[in-house]
Structures are given as structure tokens and as C-alpha cells.
Amino acid sequence: MKKYILLSIFGTALLNCKNMPNTNSENKAQEILFSDSKNSDIIKLKKGGSIALKIEENPSTGYHWAIETEKNCSVAIDNDTYKQNDSAPGMVGVPGIRTLDVLGKENGKCKIDFKNTAPAGEITETKTIYFVVEN
């Protein structure tokens, strides 16, 4: 029963959600701002292509986005980097940008949950993005 509900949700997401842009034909990484995506958005990738997902984050205050990927996912996070925003000397609690390079490994689909986690471990926000990899 759970399987049918999940398939129904995914099918509805495929039909009703705005499709995010594809990578270009040369498989160069395209940037997508996480803040511009909505819950249940769909991002399409070509097999071997990648997308740089830019996420505003402030780990200096203890808040970070935890990432949960389905088993046998058709995408992989190839690189995960963080760069703090420029600030005046002595400033604390300065946010920055976390960049995830998401690589299309094989044809298929994958659901990734992003959970904004507070210092004590409670989840303050959850966003799900579906990735679809095609030739």
C-alpha cells in the first residue's frame, strides 16, 4: 500500500510541478538556487551531466541542511563545498553558500530530502527535490 501511495505522490509531482531546467547539451554544470526551488520540484539531468545546487546555510550558528538520499539513487553528490560570505573582521554568525555538485549517474529517478537542522537536532524545515536522469 505504501508503495502505491509513494508512486501516486511521485506521479502527481511529475504532472503538476514546474520542471526545473535541464543541463545544457554539453553537460556543463548549471547552477540552481535552492531558495528558488519549491518542495517537490523536479530537476532533470542528462546521464553524465551535473547541476550545481547552491544552498544558503549558516553552520556557524549550528544550523545546517542534512541530506537524505534514497538507496540506489540515480544521482550522486560528487562534491560538497561551503564558502562563507565576505564579512568585516571579527564578525561572527556569518552565513555562506553550500554548493552540491549533483551528478547524473544512471537513467532513473531519485528523491532527496533536505532537512534544515537546528543545533539541538530538531528539524525546522524540510524540502524534497526529485531528480530525473535521462540520456
Protein backbone atom coordinates (compact mmCIF):
# COMPACT_ATOMS: atom_id res chain seq x y z
CA MET A 1 0.00 0.00 0.00
CA LYS A 2 2.83 2.41 0.89
CA LYS A 3 4.41 1.74 -2.49
CA TYR A 4 1.22 2.78 -4.32
CA ILE A 5 0.90 5.94 -2.25
CA LEU A 6 4.52 6.90 -2.97
CA LEU A 7 4.07 6.17 -6.68
CA SER A 8 0.91 8.27 -6.70
CA ILE A 9 2.68 11.18 -4.99
CA PHE A 10 5.62 10.97 -7.37
CA GLY A 11 3.29 10.78 -10.38
CA THR A 12 1.36 13.81 -9.18
CA ALA A 13 4.62 15.67 -8.64
CA LEU A 14 5.70 14.81 -12.19
CA LEU A 15 2.45 16.08 -13.67
CA ASN A 16 1.77 19.12 -11.51
CA CYS A 17 5.11 20.58 -10.54
CA LYS A 18 7.14 23.04 -12.51
CA ASN A 19 10.03 21.27 -14.19
CA MET A 20 13.41 22.69 -13.38
CA PRO A 21 15.72 23.38 -16.32
CA ASN A 22 17.78 20.63 -17.95
CA THR A 23 21.54 20.75 -18.13
CA ASN A 24 22.78 22.05 -21.44
CA SER A 25 23.75 19.75 -24.28
CA GLU A 26 27.47 19.98 -23.48
CA ASN A 27 26.87 18.58 -19.96
CA LYS A 28 28.39 21.67 -18.36
CA ALA A 29 27.21 22.24 -14.82
CA GLN A 30 24.22 24.53 -14.49
CA GLU A 31 23.57 26.40 -11.25
CA ILE A 32 20.25 26.22 -9.46
CA LEU A 33 19.47 28.22 -6.33
CA PHE A 34 17.94 26.02 -3.65
CA SER A 35 15.95 29.01 -2.36
CA ASP A 36 14.26 29.29 -5.79
CA SER A 37 13.14 25.65 -5.78
CA LYS A 38 9.87 24.57 -4.26
CA ASN A 39 9.08 21.43 -2.31
CA SER A 40 8.61 18.54 -4.76
CA ASP A 41 10.31 20.32 -7.66
CA ILE A 42 11.77 18.12 -10.37
CA ILE A 43 15.27 18.62 -11.71
CA LYS A 44 16.16 16.84 -14.94
CA LEU A 45 19.71 15.80 -15.74
CA LYS A 46 21.34 14.06 -18.64
CA LYS A 47 23.27 10.92 -17.80
CA GLY A 48 26.82 12.14 -17.06
CA GLY A 49 25.60 15.74 -16.66
CA SER A 50 25.69 17.75 -13.46
CA ILE A 51 23.96 20.60 -11.69
CA ALA A 52 25.48 22.86 -9.04
CA LEU A 53 22.82 23.26 -6.34
CA LYS A 54 23.53 26.43 -4.32
CA ILE A 55 22.15 26.39 -0.77
CA GLU A 56 22.23 29.29 1.71
CA GLU A 57 23.38 27.90 5.03
CA ASN A 58 24.74 29.16 8.35
CA PRO A 59 26.61 26.34 10.07
CA SER A 60 28.47 28.86 12.27
CA THR A 61 25.22 29.16 14.28
CA GLY A 62 24.68 25.40 14.29
CA TYR A 63 22.04 25.31 11.55
CA HIS A 64 22.74 23.11 8.54
CA TRP A 65 20.91 21.20 5.82
CA ALA A 66 21.03 17.45 6.40
CA ILE A 67 20.69 15.46 3.19
CA GLU A 68 18.90 12.11 2.93
CA THR A 69 19.23 10.25 -0.36
CA GLU A 70 17.25 7.20 -1.40
CA LYS A 71 19.12 3.91 -1.77
CA ASN A 72 20.03 3.09 -5.38
CA CYS A 73 19.71 6.75 -6.30
CA SER A 74 20.25 7.70 -9.96
CA VAL A 75 22.28 10.76 -8.93
CA ALA A 76 25.33 11.23 -6.74
CA ILE A 77 26.61 14.22 -4.84
CA ASP A 78 30.03 14.48 -6.43
CA ASN A 79 31.29 17.49 -4.49
CA ASP A 80 30.04 19.30 -1.37
CA THR A 81 31.73 22.63 -0.59
CA TYR A 82 30.97 25.61 1.65
CA LYS A 83 32.14 29.21 1.31
CA GLN A 84 31.32 31.76 3.97
CA ASN A 85 30.14 35.15 2.72
CA ASP A 86 32.61 38.04 2.93
CA SER A 87 32.37 39.95 6.19
CA ALA A 88 34.14 42.53 8.29
CA PRO A 89 36.91 41.23 10.56
CA GLY A 90 35.58 39.88 13.85
CA MET A 91 32.06 39.23 12.56
CA VAL A 92 30.50 36.01 13.83
CA GLY A 93 27.46 34.08 12.67
CA VAL A 94 28.08 34.97 9.03
CA PRO A 95 26.16 32.74 6.59
CA GLY A 96 27.51 31.39 3.35
CA ILE A 97 26.77 29.24 0.33
CA ARG A 98 26.98 25.45 0.26
CA THR A 99 27.39 24.05 -3.23
CA LEU A 100 26.41 20.49 -4.07
CA ASP A 101 27.51 19.17 -7.45
CA VAL A 102 24.79 16.67 -8.32
CA LEU A 103 25.88 14.19 -10.99
CA GLY A 104 23.50 12.11 -13.15
CA LYS A 105 24.99 8.60 -12.77
CA GLU A 106 22.37 6.45 -14.48
CA ASN A 107 18.92 6.69 -16.00
CA GLY A 108 16.18 6.74 -13.41
CA LYS A 109 14.72 8.90 -10.70
CA CYS A 110 15.74 9.75 -7.17
CA LYS A 111 14.21 11.60 -4.25
CA ILE A 112 16.47 13.65 -1.99
CA ASP A 113 15.17 15.16 1.25
CA PHE A 114 16.83 18.29 2.61
CA LYS A 115 16.22 18.92 6.32
CA ASN A 116 17.24 22.20 7.93
CA THR A 117 18.53 21.05 11.29
CA ALA A 118 18.96 23.26 14.36
CA PRO A 119 21.84 22.92 16.85
CA ALA A 120 19.82 20.71 19.21
CA GLY A 121 18.90 18.39 16.32
CA GLU A 122 15.31 19.46 15.71
CA ILE A 123 14.26 19.85 12.08
CA THR A 124 12.98 23.34 11.29
CA GLU A 125 12.17 22.87 7.60
CA THR A 126 12.07 20.03 5.07
CA LYS A 127 12.25 20.27 1.29
CA THR A 128 12.16 17.37 -1.16
CA ILE A 129 13.62 17.55 -4.67
CA TYR A 130 13.14 14.82 -7.28
CA PHE A 131 15.95 14.22 -9.76
CA VAL A 132 15.25 12.52 -13.09
CA VAL A 133 18.20 11.28 -15.14
CA GLU A 134 17.73 10.59 -18.85
CA ASN A 135 20.02 10.03 -21.85
